[in-house]
Amino acid sequence: MAFRIEKDTMGEVQVPADKYWAAQTERSRNNFKIGPEASMPAEIIEAFGYLKKAAAFANHDLGVLPAEKRDLIAQACDEILANKLDDQFPSLFGKPAPVRNQI
């Protein structure tokens, strides 16, 4: 498995190269393996997808976010809502968050 080095206030940590998270999430995965019941609920991840997409459009309408960034954020949110990035939301147990139902 390939890794990249991420840094935070605690120093360096190896993160799997194919994951989007950074140092603090990797530390949590390694240090707090207390079970899936402590992971972020799938409904919250889905809600963040809707929230971030709406915020991107609102900020563009206010003139504080360029259209290119709005579109990139919207694309990422659509991928989250289509369950294409489920493996990017780890539970504290070290497994991906449960797959969400599509609306």
N, C-alpha and C. Protein backbone atom coordinates (compact mmCIF):
# COMPACT_ATOMS: atom_id res chain seq x y z
N MET A 1 0.84 -1.18 0.00
CA MET A 1 0.00 0.00 0.00
C MET A 1 0.89 1.24 0.00
N ALA A 2 0.53 2.22 -0.81
CA ALA A 2 1.28 3.47 -0.89
C ALA A 2 0.76 4.46 0.16
N PHE A 3 1.67 5.25 0.68
CA PHE A 3 1.32 6.25 1.69
C PHE A 3 1.87 7.61 1.28
N ARG A 4 1.28 8.64 1.87
CA ARG A 4 1.84 9.98 1.77
C ARG A 4 2.02 10.49 3.20
N ILE A 5 2.86 11.47 3.39
CA ILE A 5 3.11 12.03 4.71
C ILE A 5 2.26 13.28 4.88
N GLU A 6 1.46 13.32 5.94
CA GLU A 6 0.68 14.51 6.32
C GLU A 6 1.25 15.03 7.63
N LYS A 7 1.15 16.33 7.83
CA LYS A 7 1.67 16.95 9.05
C LYS A 7 0.56 17.71 9.77
N ASP A 8 0.63 17.70 11.09
CA ASP A 8 -0.24 18.53 11.92
C ASP A 8 0.56 18.99 13.12
N THR A 9 -0.10 19.51 14.14
CA THR A 9 0.61 20.03 15.31
C THR A 9 1.33 18.94 16.09
N MET A 10 0.97 17.69 15.88
CA MET A 10 1.62 16.59 16.58
C MET A 10 2.77 15.99 15.78
N GLY A 11 2.98 16.46 14.57
CA GLY A 11 4.07 15.94 13.75
C GLY A 11 3.57 15.28 12.48
N GLU A 12 4.35 14.34 11.99
CA GLU A 12 4.05 13.66 10.75
C GLU A 12 3.32 12.34 11.00
N VAL A 13 2.50 11.96 10.03
CA VAL A 13 1.80 10.68 10.09
C VAL A 13 1.63 10.17 8.66
N GLN A 14 1.71 8.86 8.49
CA GLN A 14 1.48 8.26 7.18
C GLN A 14 -0.01 8.07 6.96
N VAL A 15 -0.49 8.52 5.80
CA VAL A 15 -1.89 8.39 5.41
C VAL A 15 -1.93 7.60 4.11
N PRO A 16 -2.86 6.64 3.97
CA PRO A 16 -2.96 5.93 2.70
C PRO A 16 -3.09 6.92 1.54
N ALA A 17 -2.32 6.71 0.49
CA ALA A 17 -2.25 7.66 -0.62
C ALA A 17 -3.57 7.83 -1.35
N ASP A 18 -4.45 6.83 -1.29
CA ASP A 18 -5.71 6.92 -2.01
C ASP A 18 -6.84 7.52 -1.19
N LYS A 19 -6.54 8.03 -0.01
CA LYS A 19 -7.57 8.62 0.85
C LYS A 19 -7.47 10.14 0.85
N TYR A 20 -8.60 10.81 1.00
CA TYR A 20 -8.64 12.27 0.97
C TYR A 20 -8.42 12.89 2.34
N TRP A 21 -8.50 12.10 3.42
CA TRP A 21 -8.36 12.70 4.74
C TRP A 21 -6.91 13.03 5.05
N ALA A 22 -6.72 13.75 6.15
CA ALA A 22 -5.38 14.23 6.51
C ALA A 22 -4.95 13.64 7.85
N ALA A 23 -4.00 14.30 8.49
CA ALA A 23 -3.32 13.76 9.67
C ALA A 23 -4.27 13.47 10.83
N GLN A 24 -5.14 14.40 11.18
CA GLN A 24 -5.97 14.20 12.37
C GLN A 24 -6.92 13.02 12.22
N THR A 25 -7.49 12.84 11.04
CA THR A 25 -8.37 11.69 10.83
C THR A 25 -7.59 10.39 10.92
N GLU A 26 -6.39 10.37 10.35
CA GLU A 26 -5.58 9.15 10.42
C GLU A 26 -5.20 8.84 11.86
N ARG A 27 -4.87 9.86 12.63
CA ARG A 27 -4.56 9.63 14.05
C ARG A 27 -5.77 9.04 14.78
N SER A 28 -6.95 9.57 14.49
CA SER A 28 -8.16 9.04 15.12
C SER A 28 -8.38 7.59 14.74
N ARG A 29 -8.18 7.27 13.47
CA ARG A 29 -8.34 5.88 13.03
C ARG A 29 -7.40 4.95 13.77
N ASN A 30 -6.19 5.42 14.03
CA ASN A 30 -5.18 4.58 14.67
C ASN A 30 -5.29 4.54 16.19
N ASN A 31 -5.79 5.59 16.79
CA ASN A 31 -5.76 5.71 18.25
C ASN A 31 -7.08 5.43 18.95
N PHE A 32 -8.20 5.51 18.24
CA PHE A 32 -9.50 5.40 18.90
C PHE A 32 -10.36 4.34 18.25
N LYS A 33 -9.89 3.12 18.24
CA LYS A 33 -10.64 2.02 17.64
C LYS A 33 -11.67 1.51 18.65
N ILE A 34 -12.75 2.29 18.80
CA ILE A 34 -13.74 1.98 19.83
C ILE A 34 -15.05 1.48 19.26
N GLY A 35 -15.12 1.27 17.96
CA GLY A 35 -16.29 0.65 17.38
C GLY A 35 -17.09 1.56 16.47
N PRO A 36 -17.85 0.95 15.55
CA PRO A 36 -18.61 1.72 14.57
C PRO A 36 -19.71 2.56 15.18
N GLU A 37 -20.17 2.22 16.38
CA GLU A 37 -21.21 3.02 17.01
C GLU A 37 -20.74 4.43 17.32
N ALA A 38 -19.43 4.64 17.31
CA ALA A 38 -18.88 5.97 17.58
C ALA A 38 -18.57 6.74 16.30
N SER A 39 -18.83 6.15 15.15
CA SER A 39 -18.53 6.83 13.89
C SER A 39 -19.63 7.82 13.54
N MET A 40 -19.32 8.70 12.60
CA MET A 40 -20.30 9.67 12.16
C MET A 40 -21.42 8.94 11.42
N PRO A 41 -22.67 9.19 11.79
CA PRO A 41 -23.79 8.53 11.10
C PRO A 41 -23.82 8.89 9.61
N ALA A 42 -24.19 7.93 8.79
CA ALA A 42 -24.26 8.14 7.35
C ALA A 42 -25.18 9.29 7.00
N GLU A 43 -26.23 9.49 7.78
CA GLU A 43 -27.17 10.58 7.51
C GLU A 43 -26.50 11.94 7.67
N ILE A 44 -25.55 12.03 8.59
CA ILE A 44 -24.83 13.29 8.79
C ILE A 44 -23.92 13.56 7.59
N ILE A 45 -23.25 12.54 7.11
CA ILE A 45 -22.39 12.70 5.92
C ILE A 45 -23.24 13.17 4.74
N GLU A 46 -24.39 12.55 4.56
CA GLU A 46 -25.29 12.95 3.48
C GLU A 46 -25.75 14.39 3.66
N ALA A 47 -26.12 14.76 4.88
CA ALA A 47 -26.56 16.13 5.15
C ALA A 47 -25.46 17.13 4.84
N PHE A 48 -24.21 16.81 5.19
CA PHE A 48 -23.10 17.70 4.87
C PHE A 48 -22.95 17.86 3.36
N GLY A 49 -23.21 16.80 2.61
CA GLY A 49 -23.16 16.91 1.15
C GLY A 49 -24.14 17.94 0.63
N TYR A 50 -25.38 17.88 1.12
CA TYR A 50 -26.38 18.87 0.72
C TYR A 50 -26.01 20.27 1.22
N LEU A 51 -25.57 20.36 2.46
CA LEU A 51 -25.23 21.65 3.06
C LEU A 51 -24.08 22.33 2.32
N LYS A 52 -23.02 21.59 2.06
CA LYS A 52 -21.85 22.18 1.39
C LYS A 52 -22.19 22.60 -0.04
N LYS A 53 -23.03 21.82 -0.71
CA LYS A 53 -23.43 22.18 -2.07
C LYS A 53 -24.25 23.47 -2.06
N ALA A 54 -25.20 23.54 -1.14
CA ALA A 54 -26.03 24.75 -1.03
C ALA A 54 -25.17 25.96 -0.67
N ALA A 55 -24.21 25.78 0.24
CA ALA A 55 -23.33 26.89 0.64
C ALA A 55 -22.49 27.36 -0.54
N ALA A 56 -22.03 26.44 -1.37
CA ALA A 56 -21.23 26.82 -2.54
C ALA A 56 -22.04 27.70 -3.48
N PHE A 57 -23.30 27.32 -3.72
CA PHE A 57 -24.14 28.13 -4.61
C PHE A 57 -24.47 29.48 -3.97
N ALA A 58 -24.75 29.49 -2.67
CA ALA A 58 -25.05 30.75 -1.98
C ALA A 58 -23.85 31.68 -2.01
N ASN A 59 -22.67 31.15 -1.73
CA ASN A 59 -21.47 31.98 -1.74
C ASN A 59 -21.13 32.49 -3.14
N HIS A 60 -21.42 31.70 -4.14
CA HIS A 60 -21.24 32.19 -5.51
C HIS A 60 -22.22 33.32 -5.80
N ASP A 61 -23.47 33.14 -5.40
CA ASP A 61 -24.48 34.19 -5.61
C ASP A 61 -24.11 35.49 -4.90
N LEU A 62 -23.41 35.38 -3.77
CA LEU A 62 -22.97 36.56 -3.02
C LEU A 62 -21.69 37.17 -3.60
N GLY A 63 -21.10 36.50 -4.57
CA GLY A 63 -19.91 37.02 -5.20
C GLY A 63 -18.61 36.72 -4.48
N VAL A 64 -18.64 35.80 -3.53
CA VAL A 64 -17.42 35.49 -2.77
C VAL A 64 -16.79 34.15 -3.15
N LEU A 65 -17.39 33.44 -4.09
CA LEU A 65 -16.85 32.16 -4.55
C LEU A 65 -16.93 32.12 -6.07
N PRO A 66 -15.80 31.95 -6.73
CA PRO A 66 -15.82 31.89 -8.20
C PRO A 66 -16.61 30.68 -8.70
N ALA A 67 -17.15 30.80 -9.89
CA ALA A 67 -17.96 29.73 -10.48
C ALA A 67 -17.18 28.42 -10.58
N GLU A 68 -15.90 28.50 -10.91
CA GLU A 68 -15.09 27.28 -11.04
C GLU A 68 -15.03 26.51 -9.73
N LYS A 69 -14.82 27.21 -8.62
CA LYS A 69 -14.78 26.54 -7.31
C LYS A 69 -16.16 26.04 -6.92
N ARG A 70 -17.20 26.83 -7.21
CA ARG A 70 -18.57 26.38 -6.93
C ARG A 70 -18.84 25.06 -7.64
N ASP A 71 -18.46 24.98 -8.90
CA ASP A 71 -18.73 23.78 -9.68
C ASP A 71 -17.93 22.57 -9.17
N LEU A 72 -16.69 22.79 -8.75
CA LEU A 72 -15.89 21.70 -8.20
C LEU A 72 -16.47 21.19 -6.88
N ILE A 73 -16.90 22.12 -6.03
CA ILE A 73 -17.52 21.73 -4.76
C ILE A 73 -18.81 20.96 -5.04
N ALA A 74 -19.63 21.47 -5.95
CA ALA A 74 -20.89 20.81 -6.29
C ALA A 74 -20.64 19.40 -6.83
N GLN A 75 -19.61 19.25 -7.66
CA GLN A 75 -19.28 17.92 -8.20
C GLN A 75 -18.90 16.96 -7.07
N ALA A 76 -18.06 17.42 -6.15
CA ALA A 76 -17.67 16.57 -5.02
C ALA A 76 -18.88 16.20 -4.17
N CYS A 77 -19.76 17.16 -3.94
CA CYS A 77 -20.97 16.88 -3.16
C CYS A 77 -21.86 15.87 -3.87
N ASP A 78 -22.00 16.01 -5.18
CA ASP A 78 -22.79 15.04 -5.94
C ASP A 78 -22.20 13.64 -5.84
N GLU A 79 -20.87 13.54 -5.83
CA GLU A 79 -20.22 12.23 -5.67
C GLU A 79 -20.48 11.66 -4.28
N ILE A 80 -20.49 12.51 -3.26
CA ILE A 80 -20.82 12.06 -1.91
C ILE A 80 -22.25 11.55 -1.87
N LEU A 81 -23.17 12.32 -2.44
CA LEU A 81 -24.59 11.95 -2.42
C LEU A 81 -24.88 10.71 -3.25
N ALA A 82 -24.03 10.41 -4.23
CA ALA A 82 -24.19 9.20 -5.05
C ALA A 82 -23.42 8.02 -4.47
N ASN A 83 -22.92 8.17 -3.25
CA ASN A 83 -22.20 7.11 -2.54
C ASN A 83 -20.90 6.70 -3.22
N LYS A 84 -20.32 7.57 -4.03
CA LYS A 84 -19.07 7.24 -4.72
C LYS A 84 -17.84 7.46 -3.84
N LEU A 85 -18.00 8.14 -2.72
CA LEU A 85 -16.86 8.45 -1.86
C LEU A 85 -17.01 7.84 -0.46
N ASP A 86 -17.82 6.81 -0.34
CA ASP A 86 -18.07 6.23 0.98
C ASP A 86 -16.79 5.78 1.68
N ASP A 87 -15.80 5.32 0.92
CA ASP A 87 -14.57 4.86 1.55
C ASP A 87 -13.68 6.01 2.02
N GLN A 88 -14.12 7.24 1.79
CA GLN A 88 -13.37 8.41 2.24
C GLN A 88 -13.87 8.94 3.59
N PHE A 89 -14.85 8.27 4.17
CA PHE A 89 -15.41 8.66 5.46
C PHE A 89 -15.25 7.50 6.44
N PRO A 90 -14.07 7.39 7.04
CA PRO A 90 -13.82 6.23 7.91
C PRO A 90 -14.56 6.33 9.22
N SER A 91 -14.91 5.17 9.74
CA SER A 91 -15.40 5.14 11.11
C SER A 91 -14.20 5.05 12.03
N LEU A 92 -14.41 5.22 13.29
CA LEU A 92 -13.31 5.13 14.24
C LEU A 92 -12.77 3.71 14.34
N PHE A 93 -13.54 2.75 13.85
CA PHE A 93 -13.12 1.36 13.89
C PHE A 93 -12.19 1.02 12.74
N GLY A 94 -12.02 1.96 11.81
CA GLY A 94 -11.12 1.73 10.70
C GLY A 94 -11.76 1.14 9.47
N LYS A 95 -13.09 1.11 9.43
CA LYS A 95 -13.81 0.63 8.26
C LYS A 95 -14.61 1.79 7.69
N PRO A 96 -14.95 1.74 6.40
CA PRO A 96 -15.73 2.83 5.83
C PRO A 96 -17.08 2.97 6.52
N ALA A 97 -17.60 4.18 6.49
CA ALA A 97 -18.93 4.41 7.03
C ALA A 97 -19.93 3.61 6.21
N PRO A 98 -21.08 3.27 6.80
CA PRO A 98 -22.06 2.47 6.07
C PRO A 98 -22.56 3.19 4.82
N VAL A 99 -22.88 2.41 3.80
CA VAL A 99 -23.41 2.97 2.57
C VAL A 99 -24.80 3.53 2.84
N ARG A 100 -25.04 4.69 2.28
CA ARG A 100 -26.32 5.37 2.49
C ARG A 100 -27.31 4.99 1.39
N ASN A 101 -28.58 5.10 1.70
CA ASN A 101 -29.61 4.89 0.68
C ASN A 101 -29.66 6.11 -0.22
N GLN A 102 -29.84 5.89 -1.50
CA GLN A 102 -29.96 7.02 -2.42
C GLN A 102 -31.38 7.54 -2.36
N ILE A 103 -31.48 8.84 -2.47
CA ILE A 103 -32.81 9.49 -2.45
C ILE A 103 -33.29 9.67 -3.86
